Amino acid sequence: MTTRKMTFTLPEALASRLVNCVPAGKRSKYVAKALNEKLFERDRRLKESCLLANNGPDVQAIEKECDAIIEN
């Protein structure tokens, strides 16, 4: 797996917690895992929201109208 070095600015309290809780040699892996989990959860919620919105009665009614236009 390729990697990319990046620079981030964190609030002092958060940076201190990271330094105090995660050993120096493991911080990049820790942050990468936490970020991956957060982005995965964001994507999951976005997909769920889209499914709920697309299955709403208003959207289904519009789809039926469009289908009727296309079939004619």
PDB file of N, CA and C in Angstrom:
ATOM      1  N   MET A   1       0.844  -1.169   0.000  1.00  0.00           N
ATOM      2  CA  MET A   1       0.000   0.000   0.000  1.00  0.00           C
ATOM      3  C   MET A   1       0.896   1.242   0.000  1.00  0.00           C
ATOM      4  N   THR A   2       0.603   2.150  -0.888  1.00  0.00           N
ATOM      5  CA  THR A   2       1.359   3.396  -0.907  1.00  0.00           C
ATOM      6  C   THR A   2       0.851   4.318   0.194  1.00  0.00           C
ATOM      7  N   THR A   3       1.699   5.215   0.614  1.00  0.00           N
ATOM      8  CA  THR A   3       1.317   6.158   1.656  1.00  0.00           C
ATOM      9  C   THR A   3       1.626   7.580   1.202  1.00  0.00           C
ATOM     10  N   ARG A   4       1.041   8.529   1.868  1.00  0.00           N
ATOM     11  CA  ARG A   4       1.296   9.939   1.598  1.00  0.00           C
ATOM     12  C   ARG A   4       1.484  10.641   2.936  1.00  0.00           C
ATOM     13  N   LYS A   5       2.523  11.409   3.032  1.00  0.00           N
ATOM     14  CA  LYS A   5       2.764  12.184   4.239  1.00  0.00           C
ATOM     15  C   LYS A   5       1.938  13.461   4.151  1.00  0.00           C
ATOM     16  N   MET A   6       1.231  13.776   5.243  1.00  0.00           N
ATOM     17  CA  MET A   6       0.382  14.959   5.288  1.00  0.00           C
ATOM     18  C   MET A   6       0.617  15.681   6.605  1.00  0.00           C
ATOM     19  N   THR A   7       0.280  16.946   6.616  1.00  0.00           N
ATOM     20  CA  THR A   7       0.402  17.752   7.827  1.00  0.00           C
ATOM     21  C   THR A   7      -0.976  18.240   8.226  1.00  0.00           C
ATOM     22  N   PHE A   8      -1.303  18.080   9.487  1.00  0.00           N
ATOM     23  CA  PHE A   8      -2.586  18.518  10.019  1.00  0.00           C
ATOM     24  C   PHE A   8      -2.359  19.405  11.225  1.00  0.00           C
ATOM     25  N   THR A   9      -3.271  20.293  11.466  1.00  0.00           N
ATOM     26  CA  THR A   9      -3.259  21.100  12.669  1.00  0.00           C
ATOM     27  C   THR A   9      -4.406  20.630  13.547  1.00  0.00           C
ATOM     28  N   LEU A  10      -4.094  20.320  14.796  1.00  0.00           N
ATOM     29  CA  LEU A  10      -5.094  19.843  15.743  1.00  0.00           C
ATOM     30  C   LEU A  10      -5.202  20.819  16.910  1.00  0.00           C
ATOM     31  N   PRO A  11      -6.371  20.897  17.512  1.00  0.00           N
ATOM     32  CA  PRO A  11      -6.475  21.681  18.742  1.00  0.00           C
ATOM     33  C   PRO A  11      -5.512  21.109  19.788  1.00  0.00           C
ATOM     34  N   GLU A  12      -4.952  21.959  20.597  1.00  0.00           N
ATOM     35  CA  GLU A  12      -3.936  21.538  21.574  1.00  0.00           C
ATOM     36  C   GLU A  12      -4.431  20.405  22.474  1.00  0.00           C
ATOM     37  N   ALA A  13      -5.664  20.512  22.947  1.00  0.00           N
ATOM     38  CA  ALA A  13      -6.188  19.474  23.847  1.00  0.00           C
ATOM     39  C   ALA A  13      -6.245  18.116  23.151  1.00  0.00           C
ATOM     40  N   LEU A  14      -6.649  18.095  21.892  1.00  0.00           N
ATOM     41  CA  LEU A  14      -6.731  16.841  21.152  1.00  0.00           C
ATOM     42  C   LEU A  14      -5.335  16.285  20.872  1.00  0.00           C
ATOM     43  N   ALA A  15      -4.426  17.158  20.483  1.00  0.00           N
ATOM     44  CA  ALA A  15      -3.046  16.729  20.233  1.00  0.00           C
ATOM     45  C   ALA A  15      -2.433  16.146  21.500  1.00  0.00           C
ATOM     46  N   SER A  16      -2.674  16.761  22.631  1.00  0.00           N
ATOM     47  CA  SER A  16      -2.151  16.254  23.909  1.00  0.00           C
ATOM     48  C   SER A  16      -2.720  14.889  24.237  1.00  0.00           C
ATOM     49  N   ARG A  17      -3.989  14.720  23.994  1.00  0.00           N
ATOM     50  CA  ARG A  17      -4.601  13.404  24.252  1.00  0.00           C
ATOM     51  C   ARG A  17      -3.973  12.339  23.369  1.00  0.00           C
ATOM     52  N   LEU A  18      -3.757  12.664  22.102  1.00  0.00           N
ATOM     53  CA  LEU A  18      -3.136  11.710  21.181  1.00  0.00           C
ATOM     54  C   LEU A  18      -1.733  11.341  21.660  1.00  0.00           C
ATOM     55  N   VAL A  19      -0.942  12.345  22.008  1.00  0.00           N
ATOM     56  CA  VAL A  19       0.432  12.113  22.463  1.00  0.00           C
ATOM     57  C   VAL A  19       0.451  11.282  23.745  1.00  0.00           C
ATOM     58  N   ASN A  20      -0.487  11.557  24.650  1.00  0.00           N
ATOM     59  CA  ASN A  20      -0.519  10.844  25.933  1.00  0.00           C
ATOM     60  C   ASN A  20      -1.076   9.429  25.824  1.00  0.00           C
ATOM     61  N   CYS A  21      -1.919   9.186  24.835  1.00  0.00           N
ATOM     62  CA  CYS A  21      -2.601   7.886  24.761  1.00  0.00           C
ATOM     63  C   CYS A  21      -2.005   6.916  23.748  1.00  0.00           C
ATOM     64  N   VAL A  22      -1.303   7.428  22.742  1.00  0.00           N
ATOM     65  CA  VAL A  22      -0.819   6.569  21.659  1.00  0.00           C
ATOM     66  C   VAL A  22       0.704   6.702  21.570  1.00  0.00           C
ATOM     67  N   PRO A  23       1.412   5.576  21.636  1.00  0.00           N
ATOM     68  CA  PRO A  23       2.878   5.632  21.548  1.00  0.00           C
ATOM     69  C   PRO A  23       3.348   6.276  20.245  1.00  0.00           C
ATOM     70  N   ALA A  24       4.498   6.924  20.293  1.00  0.00           N
ATOM     71  CA  ALA A  24       5.025   7.691  19.158  1.00  0.00           C
ATOM     72  C   ALA A  24       5.069   6.900  17.861  1.00  0.00           C
ATOM     73  N   GLY A  25       5.476   5.685  17.863  1.00  0.00           N
ATOM     74  CA  GLY A  25       5.610   4.908  16.640  1.00  0.00           C
ATOM     75  C   GLY A  25       4.299   4.386  16.074  1.00  0.00           C
ATOM     76  N   LYS A  26       3.211   4.610  16.779  1.00  0.00           N
ATOM     77  CA  LYS A  26       1.916   4.048  16.357  1.00  0.00           C
ATOM     78  C   LYS A  26       0.875   5.114  16.033  1.00  0.00           C
ATOM     79  N   ARG A  27       1.253   6.374  16.094  1.00  0.00           N
ATOM     80  CA  ARG A  27       0.265   7.446  15.920  1.00  0.00           C
ATOM     81  C   ARG A  27      -0.296   7.528  14.508  1.00  0.00           C
ATOM     82  N   SER A  28       0.549   7.386  13.494  1.00  0.00           N
ATOM     83  CA  SER A  28       0.048   7.463  12.119  1.00  0.00           C
ATOM     84  C   SER A  28      -0.971   6.365  11.849  1.00  0.00           C
ATOM     85  N   LYS A  29      -0.651   5.163  12.280  1.00  0.00           N
ATOM     86  CA  LYS A  29      -1.571   4.036  12.079  1.00  0.00           C
ATOM     87  C   LYS A  29      -2.876   4.270  12.848  1.00  0.00           C
ATOM     88  N   TYR A  30      -2.764   4.792  14.049  1.00  0.00           N
ATOM     89  CA  TYR A  30      -3.933   5.064  14.876  1.00  0.00           C
ATOM     90  C   TYR A  30      -4.843   6.101  14.209  1.00  0.00           C
ATOM     91  N   VAL A  31      -4.240   7.200  13.749  1.00  0.00           N
ATOM     92  CA  VAL A  31      -5.013   8.260  13.106  1.00  0.00           C
ATOM     93  C   VAL A  31      -5.624   7.750  11.807  1.00  0.00           C
ATOM     94  N   ALA A  32      -4.871   6.979  11.030  1.00  0.00           N
ATOM     95  CA  ALA A  32      -5.389   6.428   9.771  1.00  0.00           C
ATOM     96  C   ALA A  32      -6.594   5.527  10.028  1.00  0.00           C
ATOM     97  N   LYS A  33      -6.499   4.692  11.051  1.00  0.00           N
ATOM     98  CA  LYS A  33      -7.613   3.789  11.378  1.00  0.00           C
ATOM     99  C   LYS A  33      -8.836   4.590  11.820  1.00  0.00           C
ATOM    100  N   ALA A  34      -8.619   5.578  12.682  1.00  0.00           N
ATOM    101  CA  ALA A  34      -9.738   6.395  13.166  1.00  0.00           C
ATOM    102  C   ALA A  34     -10.394   7.164  12.024  1.00  0.00           C
ATOM    103  N   LEU A  35      -9.585   7.723  11.141  1.00  0.00           N
ATOM    104  CA  LEU A  35     -10.112   8.470  10.004  1.00  0.00           C
ATOM    105  C   LEU A  35     -10.872   7.553   9.048  1.00  0.00           C
ATOM    106  N   ASN A  36     -10.338   6.378   8.799  1.00  0.00           N
ATOM    107  CA  ASN A  36     -11.012   5.414   7.931  1.00  0.00           C
ATOM    108  C   ASN A  36     -12.377   5.021   8.498  1.00  0.00           C
ATOM    109  N   GLU A  37     -12.427   4.765   9.802  1.00  0.00           N
ATOM    110  CA  GLU A  37     -13.694   4.405  10.433  1.00  0.00           C
ATOM    111  C   GLU A  37     -14.707   5.552  10.342  1.00  0.00           C
ATOM    112  N   LYS A  38     -14.244   6.765  10.571  1.00  0.00           N
ATOM    113  CA  LYS A  38     -15.133   7.934  10.515  1.00  0.00           C
ATOM    114  C   LYS A  38     -15.676   8.141   9.098  1.00  0.00           C
ATOM    115  N   LEU A  39     -14.803   8.025   8.086  1.00  0.00           N
ATOM    116  CA  LEU A  39     -15.242   8.209   6.701  1.00  0.00           C
ATOM    117  C   LEU A  39     -16.160   7.068   6.246  1.00  0.00           C
ATOM    118  N   PHE A  40     -15.867   5.847   6.689  1.00  0.00           N
ATOM    119  CA  PHE A  40     -16.730   4.710   6.365  1.00  0.00           C
ATOM    120  C   PHE A  40     -18.127   4.939   6.930  1.00  0.00           C
ATOM    121  N   GLU A  41     -18.191   5.407   8.180  1.00  0.00           N
ATOM    122  CA  GLU A  41     -19.495   5.665   8.815  1.00  0.00           C
ATOM    123  C   GLU A  41     -20.219   6.803   8.105  1.00  0.00           C
ATOM    124  N   ARG A  42     -19.504   7.829   7.687  1.00  0.00           N
ATOM    125  CA  ARG A  42     -20.098   8.938   6.938  1.00  0.00           C
ATOM    126  C   ARG A  42     -20.702   8.433   5.638  1.00  0.00           C
ATOM    127  N   ASP A  43     -19.951   7.600   4.908  1.00  0.00           N
ATOM    128  CA  ASP A  43     -20.448   7.041   3.648  1.00  0.00           C
ATOM    129  C   ASP A  43     -21.673   6.157   3.874  1.00  0.00           C
ATOM    130  N   ARG A  44     -21.648   5.379   4.960  1.00  0.00           N
ATOM    131  CA  ARG A  44     -22.771   4.493   5.264  1.00  0.00           C
ATOM    132  C   ARG A  44     -24.030   5.315   5.534  1.00  0.00           C
ATOM    133  N   ARG A  45     -23.890   6.394   6.318  1.00  0.00           N
ATOM    134  CA  ARG A  45     -25.045   7.242   6.615  1.00  0.00           C
ATOM    135  C   ARG A  45     -25.547   7.950   5.368  1.00  0.00           C
ATOM    136  N   LEU A  46     -24.639   8.380   4.508  1.00  0.00           N
ATOM    137  CA  LEU A  46     -25.031   9.042   3.269  1.00  0.00           C
ATOM    138  C   LEU A  46     -25.819   8.088   2.370  1.00  0.00           C
ATOM    139  N   LYS A  47     -25.329   6.860   2.216  1.00  0.00           N
ATOM    140  CA  LYS A  47     -26.041   5.866   1.400  1.00  0.00           C
ATOM    141  C   LYS A  47     -27.414   5.572   1.983  1.00  0.00           C
ATOM    142  N   GLU A  48     -27.473   5.435   3.302  1.00  0.00           N
ATOM    143  CA  GLU A  48     -28.752   5.162   3.963  1.00  0.00           C
ATOM    144  C   GLU A  48     -29.730   6.318   3.737  1.00  0.00           C
ATOM    145  N   SER A  49     -29.241   7.540   3.843  1.00  0.00           N
ATOM    146  CA  SER A  49     -30.091   8.711   3.621  1.00  0.00           C
ATOM    147  C   SER A  49     -30.612   8.755   2.190  1.00  0.00           C
ATOM    148  N   CYS A  50     -29.741   8.439   1.241  1.00  0.00           N
ATOM    149  CA  CYS A  50     -30.165   8.434  -0.164  1.00  0.00           C
ATOM    150  C   CYS A  50     -31.234   7.375  -0.411  1.00  0.00           C
ATOM    151  N   LEU A  51     -31.044   6.199   0.155  1.00  0.00           N
ATOM    152  CA  LEU A  51     -32.041   5.141  -0.012  1.00  0.00           C
ATOM    153  C   LEU A  51     -33.385   5.563   0.581  1.00  0.00           C
ATOM    154  N   LEU A  52     -33.352   6.158   1.777  1.00  0.00           N
ATOM    155  CA  LEU A  52     -34.600   6.603   2.400  1.00  0.00           C
ATOM    156  C   LEU A  52     -35.267   7.691   1.570  1.00  0.00           C
ATOM    157  N   ALA A  53     -34.473   8.637   1.093  1.00  0.00           N
ATOM    158  CA  ALA A  53     -35.035   9.732   0.293  1.00  0.00           C
ATOM    159  C   ALA A  53     -35.601   9.218  -1.021  1.00  0.00           C
ATOM    160  N   ASN A  54     -34.900   8.311  -1.671  1.00  0.00           N
ATOM    161  CA  ASN A  54     -35.340   7.800  -2.970  1.00  0.00           C
ATOM    162  C   ASN A  54     -36.534   6.868  -2.867  1.00  0.00           C
ATOM    163  N   ASN A  55     -36.783   6.333  -1.692  1.00  0.00           N
ATOM    164  CA  ASN A  55     -37.930   5.448  -1.509  1.00  0.00           C
ATOM    165  C   ASN A  55     -39.129   6.162  -0.907  1.00  0.00           C
ATOM    166  N   GLY A  56     -39.024   7.472  -0.750  1.00  0.00           N
ATOM    167  CA  GLY A  56     -40.136   8.243  -0.195  1.00  0.00           C
ATOM    168  C   GLY A  56     -41.304   8.289  -1.168  1.00  0.00           C
ATOM    169  N   PRO A  57     -42.497   8.487  -0.662  1.00  0.00           N
ATOM    170  CA  PRO A  57     -43.695   8.478  -1.510  1.00  0.00           C
ATOM    171  C   PRO A  57     -43.675   9.572  -2.580  1.00  0.00           C
ATOM    172  N   ASP A  58     -43.121  10.731  -2.272  1.00  0.00           N
ATOM    173  CA  ASP A  58     -43.064  11.814  -3.268  1.00  0.00           C
ATOM    174  C   ASP A  58     -42.181  11.430  -4.447  1.00  0.00           C
ATOM    175  N   VAL A  59     -41.045  10.838  -4.152  1.00  0.00           N
ATOM    176  CA  VAL A  59     -40.107  10.449  -5.208  1.00  0.00           C
ATOM    177  C   VAL A  59     -40.721   9.335  -6.053  1.00  0.00           C
ATOM    178  N   GLN A  60     -41.368   8.399  -5.416  1.00  0.00           N
ATOM    179  CA  GLN A  60     -41.989   7.303  -6.161  1.00  0.00           C
ATOM    180  C   GLN A  60     -43.095   7.827  -7.073  1.00  0.00           C
ATOM    181  N   ALA A  61     -43.841   8.817  -6.614  1.00  0.00           N
ATOM    182  CA  ALA A  61     -44.903   9.393  -7.448  1.00  0.00           C
ATOM    183  C   ALA A  61     -44.304  10.092  -8.673  1.00  0.00           C
ATOM    184  N   ILE A  62     -43.215  10.818  -8.460  1.00  0.00           N
ATOM    185  CA  ILE A  62     -42.538  11.486  -9.582  1.00  0.00           C
ATOM    186  C   ILE A  62     -41.993  10.453 -10.561  1.00  0.00           C
ATOM    187  N   GLU A  63     -41.427   9.373 -10.053  1.00  0.00           N
ATOM    188  CA  GLU A  63     -40.908   8.315 -10.934  1.00  0.00           C
ATOM    189  C   GLU A  63     -42.025   7.702 -11.769  1.00  0.00           C
ATOM    190  N   LYS A  64     -43.196   7.493 -11.172  1.00  0.00           N
ATOM    191  CA  LYS A  64     -44.333   6.935 -11.915  1.00  0.00           C
ATOM    192  C   LYS A  64     -44.758   7.885 -13.030  1.00  0.00           C
ATOM    193  N   GLU A  65     -44.770   9.177 -12.726  1.00  0.00           N
ATOM    194  CA  GLU A  65     -45.132  10.159 -13.748  1.00  0.00           C
ATOM    195  C   GLU A  65     -44.124  10.143 -14.890  1.00  0.00           C
ATOM    196  N   CYS A  66     -42.857  10.082 -14.541  1.00  0.00           N
ATOM    197  CA  CYS A  66     -41.805  10.055 -15.577  1.00  0.00           C
ATOM    198  C   CYS A  66     -41.888   8.775 -16.399  1.00  0.00           C
ATOM    199  N   ASP A  67     -42.120   7.670 -15.757  1.00  0.00           N
ATOM    200  CA  ASP A  67     -42.250   6.397 -16.468  1.00  0.00           C
ATOM    201  C   ASP A  67     -43.422   6.455 -17.448  1.00  0.00           C
ATOM    202  N   ALA A  68     -44.517   7.088 -17.026  1.00  0.00           N
ATOM    203  CA  ALA A  68     -45.684   7.200 -17.896  1.00  0.00           C
ATOM    204  C   ALA A  68     -45.357   8.060 -19.124  1.00  0.00           C
ATOM    205  N   ILE A  69     -44.590   9.098 -18.949  1.00  0.00           N
ATOM    206  CA  ILE A  69     -44.197   9.967 -20.063  1.00  0.00           C
ATOM    207  C   ILE A  69     -43.296   9.197 -21.026  1.00  0.00           C
ATOM    208  N   ILE A  70     -42.346   8.455 -20.494  1.00  0.00           N
ATOM    209  CA  ILE A  70     -41.401   7.700 -21.317  1.00  0.00           C
ATOM    210  C   ILE A  70     -42.114   6.605 -22.091  1.00  0.00           C
ATOM    211  N   GLU A  71     -43.098   5.951 -21.485  1.00  0.00           N
ATOM    212  CA  GLU A  71     -43.804   4.855 -22.146  1.00  0.00           C
ATOM    213  C   GLU A  71     -44.703   5.343 -23.274  1.00  0.00           C
ATOM    214  N   ASN A  72     -45.110   6.589 -23.223  1.00  0.00           N
ATOM    215  CA  ASN A  72     -46.021   7.119 -24.259  1.00  0.00           C
ATOM    216  C   ASN A  72     -45.278   7.580 -25.432  1.00  0.00           C
TER     217      ASN A  72
END
